[in-house]
């Protein structure tokens, strides 16, 4: 009995070890390859009513959201600046005008405006066309 028990136990031990190894390999094959993280763009859009303009520093200030500080945008050296669709200078821009554009985050505190489009009147929001109802 001892002679038949030892080979059976050793076979079960070896066979059990093979099963765990094959399961490990199967799990490795099923794991999806890691995708590289999407790089977040440093550029973002902005819009609002101009609160103040500092021509000496070359900055525009827009009011912040409720409870947040005002947003200050420094004009880039080669910023594209327009006033009602025409090329403009920062001296032409006044408070209470409407602005929209594209800015680049340089650090947590510093933001640089790359494109600045100023309007003397508040631009109208584009409305979605009404869907036709079928009768």
Protein backbone atom coordinates (compact mmCIF):
# COMPACT_ATOMS: atom_id res chain seq x y z
CA UNK A 1 0.00 0.00 0.00
CA UNK A 2 2.86 2.34 0.81
CA UNK A 3 4.40 1.60 -2.57
CA UNK A 4 1.28 2.72 -4.45
CA UNK A 5 0.53 5.70 -2.22
CA UNK A 6 3.87 7.50 -2.70
CA UNK A 7 3.71 7.61 -6.54
CA UNK A 8 0.10 8.78 -6.41
CA UNK A 9 0.89 11.61 -3.96
CA UNK A 10 3.94 12.73 -5.92
CA UNK A 11 1.94 12.72 -9.18
CA UNK A 12 -0.82 14.79 -7.55
CA UNK A 13 1.78 17.20 -6.18
CA UNK A 14 3.45 17.65 -9.58
CA UNK A 15 0.13 17.87 -11.43
CA UNK A 16 -1.18 20.46 -8.94
CA UNK A 17 1.96 22.55 -9.43
CA UNK A 18 1.49 22.48 -13.21
CA UNK A 19 -2.11 23.66 -12.90
CA UNK A 20 -1.18 26.70 -10.86
CA UNK A 21 1.56 27.64 -13.33
CA UNK A 22 -0.78 27.36 -16.33
CA UNK A 23 -3.37 29.51 -14.55
CA UNK A 24 -0.73 32.14 -13.93
CA UNK A 25 0.23 32.16 -17.61
CA UNK A 26 -3.43 32.41 -18.64
CA UNK A 27 -3.93 35.41 -16.35
CA UNK A 28 -0.89 37.10 -17.86
CA UNK A 29 -2.27 36.64 -21.35
CA UNK A 30 -5.67 38.05 -20.39
CA UNK A 31 -4.29 41.25 -18.85
CA UNK A 32 -4.72 44.13 -21.33
CA UNK A 33 -1.58 46.01 -22.29
CA UNK A 34 -1.18 49.33 -20.51
CA UNK A 35 -2.06 52.29 -22.68
CA UNK A 36 0.03 55.42 -22.36
CA UNK A 37 -1.80 58.18 -20.52
CA UNK A 38 -3.29 60.86 -22.74
CA UNK A 39 -1.23 64.01 -22.48
CA UNK A 40 -3.38 66.92 -21.37
CA UNK A 41 -3.09 70.01 -23.52
CA UNK A 42 -1.70 73.15 -21.90
CA UNK A 43 -4.09 75.27 -24.01
CA UNK A 44 -7.66 76.07 -22.97
CA UNK A 45 -10.45 78.46 -24.07
CA UNK A 46 -11.64 81.44 -22.04
CA UNK A 47 -14.38 84.06 -22.33
CA UNK A 48 -16.12 86.72 -20.31
CA UNK A 49 -16.43 90.43 -19.67
CA UNK A 50 -13.18 92.33 -19.13
CA UNK A 51 -12.88 93.71 -15.60
CA UNK A 52 -9.60 95.64 -16.02
CA UNK A 53 -6.86 96.19 -18.62
CA UNK A 54 -3.26 97.00 -17.67
CA UNK A 55 -1.46 98.30 -20.78
CA UNK A 56 1.90 98.62 -18.98
CA UNK A 57 1.97 94.99 -17.82
CA UNK A 58 0.04 93.73 -20.86
CA UNK A 59 -2.63 91.95 -18.82
CA UNK A 60 -6.39 91.42 -19.01
CA UNK A 61 -8.39 90.60 -15.90
CA UNK A 62 -11.69 88.74 -15.97
CA UNK A 63 -13.87 88.19 -12.90
CA UNK A 64 -13.61 84.77 -11.30
CA UNK A 65 -16.50 82.45 -10.54
CA UNK A 66 -18.37 82.78 -7.23
CA UNK A 67 -15.88 82.53 -4.40
CA UNK A 68 -12.86 82.31 -6.71
CA UNK A 69 -10.20 84.94 -7.45
CA UNK A 70 -10.16 87.02 -10.63
CA UNK A 71 -8.47 85.47 -13.68
CA UNK A 72 -5.45 87.40 -14.95
CA UNK A 73 -4.17 86.74 -18.48
CA UNK A 74 -0.77 88.02 -19.61
CA UNK A 75 -0.66 88.71 -23.35
CA UNK A 76 1.95 86.63 -25.16
CA UNK A 77 4.61 88.53 -27.13
CA UNK A 78 3.14 87.31 -30.42
CA UNK A 79 -0.51 87.20 -29.31
CA UNK A 80 -3.17 87.52 -32.00
CA UNK A 81 -5.36 90.40 -30.79
CA UNK A 82 -8.56 91.50 -32.57
CA UNK A 83 -11.29 94.03 -31.78
CA UNK A 84 -14.60 93.39 -33.56
CA UNK A 85 -12.79 91.30 -36.17
CA UNK A 86 -10.07 93.88 -36.93
CA UNK A 87 -6.43 93.70 -35.83
CA UNK A 88 -6.01 95.74 -32.62
CA UNK A 89 -3.59 96.88 -29.95
CA UNK A 90 -4.01 96.47 -26.18
CA UNK A 91 -4.46 100.24 -25.90
CA UNK A 92 -7.74 99.90 -27.86
CA UNK A 93 -9.23 97.49 -25.33
CA UNK A 94 -11.29 98.84 -22.43
CA UNK A 95 -13.06 97.40 -19.40
CA UNK A 96 -16.65 96.13 -19.83
CA UNK A 97 -15.88 94.76 -23.33
CA UNK A 98 -16.44 91.08 -24.04
CA UNK A 99 -13.52 88.77 -24.73
CA UNK A 100 -12.96 85.21 -25.81
CA UNK A 101 -9.83 83.42 -26.81
CA UNK A 102 -7.26 80.75 -26.18
CA UNK A 103 -4.72 80.71 -23.36
CA UNK A 104 -1.78 78.58 -22.31
CA UNK A 105 -1.12 77.56 -18.73
CA UNK A 106 2.53 78.22 -17.89
CA UNK A 107 2.30 77.28 -14.20
CA UNK A 108 -0.33 77.07 -11.48
CA UNK A 109 -0.40 80.86 -11.10
CA UNK A 110 0.66 82.03 -14.56
CA UNK A 111 -1.53 82.03 -17.68
CA UNK A 112 -0.59 83.47 -21.07
CA UNK A 113 -3.23 84.56 -23.61
CA UNK A 114 -2.27 83.47 -27.13
CA UNK A 115 -5.41 84.49 -29.03
CA UNK A 116 -7.67 87.32 -27.82
CA UNK A 117 -10.89 88.27 -29.63
CA UNK A 118 -12.60 91.33 -28.16
CA UNK A 119 -16.15 92.48 -28.93
CA UNK A 120 -17.66 95.84 -27.98
CA UNK A 121 -21.12 94.25 -27.58
CA UNK A 122 -21.99 91.00 -25.88
CA UNK A 123 -21.94 88.27 -28.54
CA UNK A 124 -25.19 86.41 -29.05
CA UNK A 125 -25.17 82.78 -28.16
CA UNK A 126 -25.81 80.44 -31.02
CA UNK A 127 -29.06 78.59 -30.52
CA UNK A 128 -29.52 75.02 -31.59
CA UNK A 129 -32.04 74.65 -34.42
CA UNK A 130 -35.43 73.44 -33.24
CA UNK A 131 -36.15 69.84 -34.05
CA UNK A 132 -39.09 69.26 -36.36
CA UNK A 133 -41.84 67.14 -34.89
CA UNK A 134 -43.27 64.46 -37.11
CA UNK A 135 -47.05 64.39 -37.36
